[in-house]
Protein backbone atom coordinates (compact mmCIF):
# COMPACT_ATOMS: atom_id res chain seq x y z
CA UNK A 1 -0.16 0.05 0.18
CA UNK A 2 1.70 3.46 -1.23
CA UNK A 3 0.32 6.23 0.87
CA UNK A 4 0.37 9.85 -1.19
CA UNK A 5 1.59 13.34 0.85
CA UNK A 6 0.78 16.38 -0.56
CA UNK A 7 2.29 19.70 0.64
CA UNK A 8 3.91 22.50 -0.54
CA UNK A 9 7.54 22.42 -1.41
CA UNK A 10 8.18 24.20 1.69
CA UNK A 11 6.34 22.70 4.77
CA UNK A 12 7.59 21.72 7.87
CA UNK A 13 5.20 19.42 8.72
CA UNK A 14 4.87 18.02 5.92
CA UNK A 15 8.63 17.04 6.71
CA UNK A 16 7.48 15.35 10.12
CA UNK A 17 5.08 13.30 8.24
CA UNK A 18 7.65 12.29 5.37
CA UNK A 19 10.17 11.46 8.42
CA UNK A 20 7.59 9.38 10.16
CA UNK A 21 6.30 7.48 7.07
CA UNK A 22 10.18 6.51 6.90
CA UNK A 23 10.51 5.66 9.83
CA UNK A 24 7.46 3.01 9.46
CA UNK A 25 8.73 1.68 6.56
CA UNK A 26 5.63 3.02 4.35
CA UNK A 27 6.02 3.54 1.02
CA UNK A 28 4.39 7.11 -0.29
CA UNK A 29 5.16 9.34 -2.92
CA UNK A 30 5.34 13.28 -2.66
CA UNK A 31 3.54 15.45 -4.15
CA UNK A 32 4.16 19.42 -4.48
CA UNK A 33 1.51 21.57 -4.12
CA UNK A 34 2.67 24.66 -5.85
CA UNK A 35 -0.36 26.99 -4.61
CA UNK A 36 0.28 29.94 -1.73
CA UNK A 37 1.41 28.44 0.95
CA UNK A 38 -1.85 29.23 2.76
CA UNK A 39 -3.91 27.69 0.17
CA UNK A 40 -3.23 24.31 1.61
CA UNK A 41 -4.84 23.39 5.17
CA UNK A 42 -1.13 21.43 6.02
CA UNK A 43 0.01 18.57 4.41
CA UNK A 44 -2.61 16.41 3.17
CA UNK A 45 -1.77 12.38 4.10
CA UNK A 46 -3.61 9.51 2.10
CA UNK A 47 -3.47 6.06 2.63
CA UNK A 48 -5.90 3.01 2.04
CA UNK A 49 -8.97 5.29 0.47
CA UNK A 50 -8.46 7.83 3.68
CA UNK A 51 -7.21 11.16 4.32
CA UNK A 52 -6.09 12.98 7.08
CA UNK A 53 -4.89 17.02 6.69
CA UNK A 54 -2.45 18.53 8.85
CA UNK A 55 0.81 17.35 10.54
CA UNK A 56 -0.73 16.67 13.97
CA UNK A 57 -3.55 15.18 13.07
CA UNK A 58 -1.70 12.85 10.26
CA UNK A 59 0.76 11.34 12.73
CA UNK A 60 -1.89 10.70 15.02
CA UNK A 61 -3.49 8.79 12.11
CA UNK A 62 -0.56 7.10 10.80
CA UNK A 63 0.25 5.73 14.10
CA UNK A 64 -2.89 4.45 14.79
CA UNK A 65 -2.96 2.46 11.35
CA UNK A 66 1.11 1.37 11.67
CA UNK A 67 1.78 1.51 15.12
CA UNK A 68 5.62 -0.03 14.54
CA UNK A 69 7.65 1.81 15.85
CA UNK A 70 5.35 3.94 17.81
CA UNK A 71 5.29 7.56 17.89
CA UNK A 72 3.76 8.30 21.10
CA UNK A 73 4.34 6.41 24.65
CA UNK A 74 1.51 3.84 25.81
CA UNK A 75 1.84 5.72 29.08
CA UNK A 76 -1.38 7.71 28.95
CA UNK A 77 0.61 10.86 31.42
CA UNK A 78 4.09 9.99 29.54
CA UNK A 79 2.14 10.16 25.90
CA UNK A 80 0.23 14.16 27.41
CA UNK A 81 3.42 15.25 27.47
CA UNK A 82 4.79 13.72 23.87
CA UNK A 83 1.59 15.01 22.76
CA UNK A 84 1.71 19.15 24.36
CA UNK A 85 5.18 19.40 23.13
CA UNK A 86 4.29 17.84 19.60
CA UNK A 87 1.32 20.54 19.52
CA UNK A 88 4.06 23.32 21.01
CA UNK A 89 6.32 21.97 17.46
CA UNK A 90 3.02 21.92 15.02
CA UNK A 91 1.32 25.13 16.48
CA UNK A 92 4.47 27.53 17.18
CA UNK A 93 7.56 26.45 16.10
CA UNK A 94 6.06 25.37 12.30
CA UNK A 95 4.40 28.51 11.52
CA UNK A 96 7.27 30.62 12.96
CA UNK A 97 9.92 28.90 10.89
CA UNK A 98 8.23 29.72 7.84
CA UNK A 99 7.63 33.03 8.69
CA UNK A 100 11.35 33.97 9.53
CA UNK A 101 12.14 31.80 5.96
CA UNK A 102 9.88 33.90 3.89
CA UNK A 103 10.76 37.17 5.12
CA UNK A 104 14.30 36.09 4.57
CA UNK A 105 13.18 34.97 1.12
CA UNK A 106 11.52 38.26 0.55
CA UNK A 107 14.55 39.31 0.50
CA UNK A 108 16.30 36.75 -1.29
CA UNK A 109 13.88 35.19 -3.79
CA UNK A 110 16.47 33.56 -6.08
CA UNK A 111 17.53 31.21 -2.87
CA UNK A 112 13.81 29.98 -3.04
CA UNK A 113 14.66 27.45 -5.72
CA UNK A 114 17.40 25.45 -3.05
CA UNK A 115 14.43 24.48 -1.21
CA UNK A 116 12.88 22.73 -4.25
CA UNK A 117 14.11 19.33 -3.90
CA UNK A 118 14.59 17.79 -7.50
CA UNK A 119 15.72 19.32 -10.71
CA UNK A 120 12.53 20.07 -12.64
CA UNK A 121 11.01 21.47 -9.10
CA UNK A 122 14.23 24.10 -8.42
CA UNK A 123 12.98 25.28 -12.53
CA UNK A 124 9.54 25.76 -11.56
CA UNK A 125 10.87 27.42 -8.46
CA UNK A 126 13.22 29.63 -10.06
CA UNK A 127 10.18 30.22 -12.95
CA UNK A 128 7.38 31.41 -10.61
CA UNK A 129 9.73 31.87 -7.33
CA UNK A 130 9.42 35.63 -6.80
CA UNK A 131 5.83 35.29 -7.35
CA UNK A 132 5.58 32.23 -4.90
CA UNK A 133 7.37 34.08 -2.30
CA UNK A 134 5.81 37.24 -2.34
CA UNK A 135 2.77 35.75 -2.08
CA UNK A 136 3.07 33.13 0.45
CA UNK A 137 5.25 35.83 2.47
CA UNK A 138 2.30 38.09 2.49
CA UNK A 139 -0.29 34.81 3.81
CA UNK A 140 1.53 33.25 6.25
CA UNK A 141 2.00 36.90 8.07
CA UNK A 142 5.63 37.49 7.42
CA UNK A 143 5.82 41.32 8.31
CA UNK A 144 8.81 42.97 8.81
CA UNK A 145 7.19 43.55 12.86
CA UNK A 146 5.87 40.13 13.64
CA UNK A 147 9.24 38.29 11.71
CA UNK A 148 11.43 40.50 13.91
CA UNK A 149 9.59 39.29 17.36
CA UNK A 150 9.83 35.66 16.15
CA UNK A 151 13.03 36.11 15.78
CA UNK A 152 13.84 37.98 19.47
CA UNK A 153 11.42 34.93 20.61
CA UNK A 154 13.13 31.78 19.23
CA UNK A 155 15.84 31.95 22.41
CA UNK A 156 13.18 31.06 24.74
CA UNK A 157 10.88 28.91 23.02
CA UNK A 158 14.24 26.58 21.91
CA UNK A 159 14.68 27.52 26.01
CA UNK A 160 11.48 25.11 26.35
CA UNK A 161 12.82 22.19 24.06
CA UNK A 162 15.95 22.21 25.33
CA UNK A 163 14.09 21.82 28.54
CA UNK A 164 11.86 18.75 27.40
CA UNK A 165 15.62 17.34 26.28
CA UNK A 166 16.58 17.25 29.79
CA UNK A 167 13.27 15.85 31.05
CA UNK A 168 13.60 12.94 28.20
CA UNK A 169 10.38 13.48 26.67
CA UNK A 170 11.71 14.84 23.78
CA UNK A 171 15.40 13.47 21.91
CA UNK A 172 15.04 10.20 22.76
CA UNK A 173 15.63 6.88 20.21
CA UNK A 174 13.66 6.04 17.90
CA UNK A 175 11.72 9.61 17.44
CA UNK A 176 8.79 10.32 18.65
CA UNK A 177 6.06 12.73 17.47
CA UNK A 178 6.94 15.71 19.08
CA UNK A 179 10.48 14.95 17.98
CA UNK A 180 9.68 15.19 14.29
CA UNK A 181 7.23 18.20 14.65
CA UNK A 182 9.85 20.09 16.74
CA UNK A 183 12.93 18.58 14.71
CA UNK A 184 11.33 19.82 11.40
CA UNK A 185 11.28 23.62 11.96
CA UNK A 186 14.26 23.69 13.74
CA UNK A 187 15.91 21.73 10.65
CA UNK A 188 14.47 24.84 8.42
CA UNK A 189 15.80 27.60 10.70
CA UNK A 190 19.21 25.91 10.19
CA UNK A 191 19.38 26.40 6.79
CA UNK A 192 18.71 30.32 7.25
CA UNK A 193 22.46 31.98 7.44
CA UNK A 194 21.52 34.91 9.49
CA UNK A 195 19.03 32.25 11.93
CA UNK A 196 21.26 29.72 12.09
CA UNK A 197 23.74 31.15 14.79
CA UNK A 198 20.35 31.58 17.01
CA UNK A 199 20.02 28.04 16.86
CA UNK A 200 23.27 26.42 16.87
CA UNK A 201 24.49 25.04 19.88
CA UNK A 202 21.25 23.87 21.77
CA UNK A 203 19.96 20.91 22.16
CA UNK A 204 16.85 21.68 19.87
CA UNK A 205 19.55 22.26 17.20
CA UNK A 206 21.42 18.58 17.86
CA UNK A 207 17.95 16.91 18.09
CA UNK A 208 16.90 18.74 14.43
CA UNK A 209 20.62 17.15 13.40
CA UNK A 210 20.30 14.07 14.63
CA UNK A 211 16.72 13.75 12.98
CA UNK A 212 17.36 15.31 10.02
CA UNK A 213 21.16 15.65 9.15
CA UNK A 214 20.31 16.91 5.48
CA UNK A 215 17.36 19.00 4.38
CA UNK A 216 17.33 21.09 1.49
CA UNK A 217 17.73 24.64 0.98
CA UNK A 218 19.75 27.83 2.02
CA UNK A 219 19.23 31.56 2.61
CA UNK A 220 22.13 33.75 2.50
CA UNK A 221 23.44 35.50 5.51
CA UNK A 222 23.68 39.41 5.49
CA UNK A 223 19.86 39.33 4.42
CA UNK A 224 17.91 40.17 7.22
CA UNK A 225 18.20 43.33 9.36
CA UNK A 226 20.78 43.59 11.66
CA UNK A 227 18.18 44.46 14.72
CA UNK A 228 16.54 41.64 14.03
CA UNK A 229 19.41 39.07 15.21
CA UNK A 230 20.68 38.86 19.42
CA UNK A 231 24.17 40.82 19.59
CA UNK A 232 26.23 37.51 19.64
CA UNK A 233 23.71 35.68 16.69
CA UNK A 234 24.61 39.05 14.66
CA UNK A 235 28.40 38.49 15.43
CA UNK A 236 28.58 35.08 14.38
CA UNK A 237 26.35 35.60 11.28
CA UNK A 238 28.52 38.92 9.84
CA UNK A 239 31.80 36.82 10.79
CA UNK A 240 31.30 34.08 8.95
CA UNK A 241 29.08 35.65 5.84
CA UNK A 242 30.31 36.86 2.54
CA UNK A 243 29.75 40.58 1.58
CA UNK A 244 26.17 41.37 0.73
CA UNK A 245 25.01 40.82 -3.16
CA UNK A 246 27.19 38.30 -4.15
CA UNK A 247 24.99 36.01 -6.20
CA UNK A 248 23.82 32.16 -4.45
CA UNK A 249 27.04 30.25 -6.25
CA UNK A 250 25.74 27.48 -8.67
CA UNK A 251 22.16 27.49 -8.11
CA UNK A 252 20.68 25.20 -5.32
CA UNK A 253 22.62 22.36 -6.32
CA UNK A 254 26.02 23.74 -4.30
CA UNK A 255 24.34 25.54 -1.45
CA UNK A 256 26.44 24.55 1.30
CA UNK A 257 27.07 21.07 3.21
CA UNK A 258 23.33 20.88 4.80
CA UNK A 259 21.61 21.19 1.46
CA UNK A 260 20.28 18.22 -0.17
CA UNK A 261 20.83 19.97 -3.63
């Protein structure tokens, strides 16, 4: 039985569900939806004639039908804590990561192509990227004031994930639903040159890199305004970034060690 996962090319929710399908060894095909991000109500998963929408709902639905390896603990109290952390990933971190990404891509629309996996998809992204980025940025709410506040909120949000790692709610093997819901947006943030220093060095970053060692896309540093970034992260980002205005070398295929090209 083959599942179908339909979602926009850039969707941390779909990344979480796709990772769950791989963990459970479910055959699937990924269908890219090229409409505006908000036109699609989260990833859509179809399996055995049934369909569910939204990453959190899809993870629970998939786990009920393919129970091994489990995405949720059997103990009710432990399950409740994992469900809380999963909702935090799906409802807080995933939309935040998309807003930050599209605010960045609005300033560097050429980088959008690097987030599209296949060569054919990258061609489509290059042709329509600027229009898709502009439309999607507006509809995910990626205005400058909101995203500046998102960036400033990152450190306390990541501290919450770090505390859950300490408690053993996330960060175990095999990954649970909360691991997947949190790792996907954090891994997406690590592809953004200006944001990577904010995230790096946290337990959340280590979790994301363990669950998703490879991830398409790179948005260059020296893109977002300096005053959005914490002073420590600004110093790191600017120290390692090339001068602004340098084109992305070689298109999407050579965008750096964390790109799947």
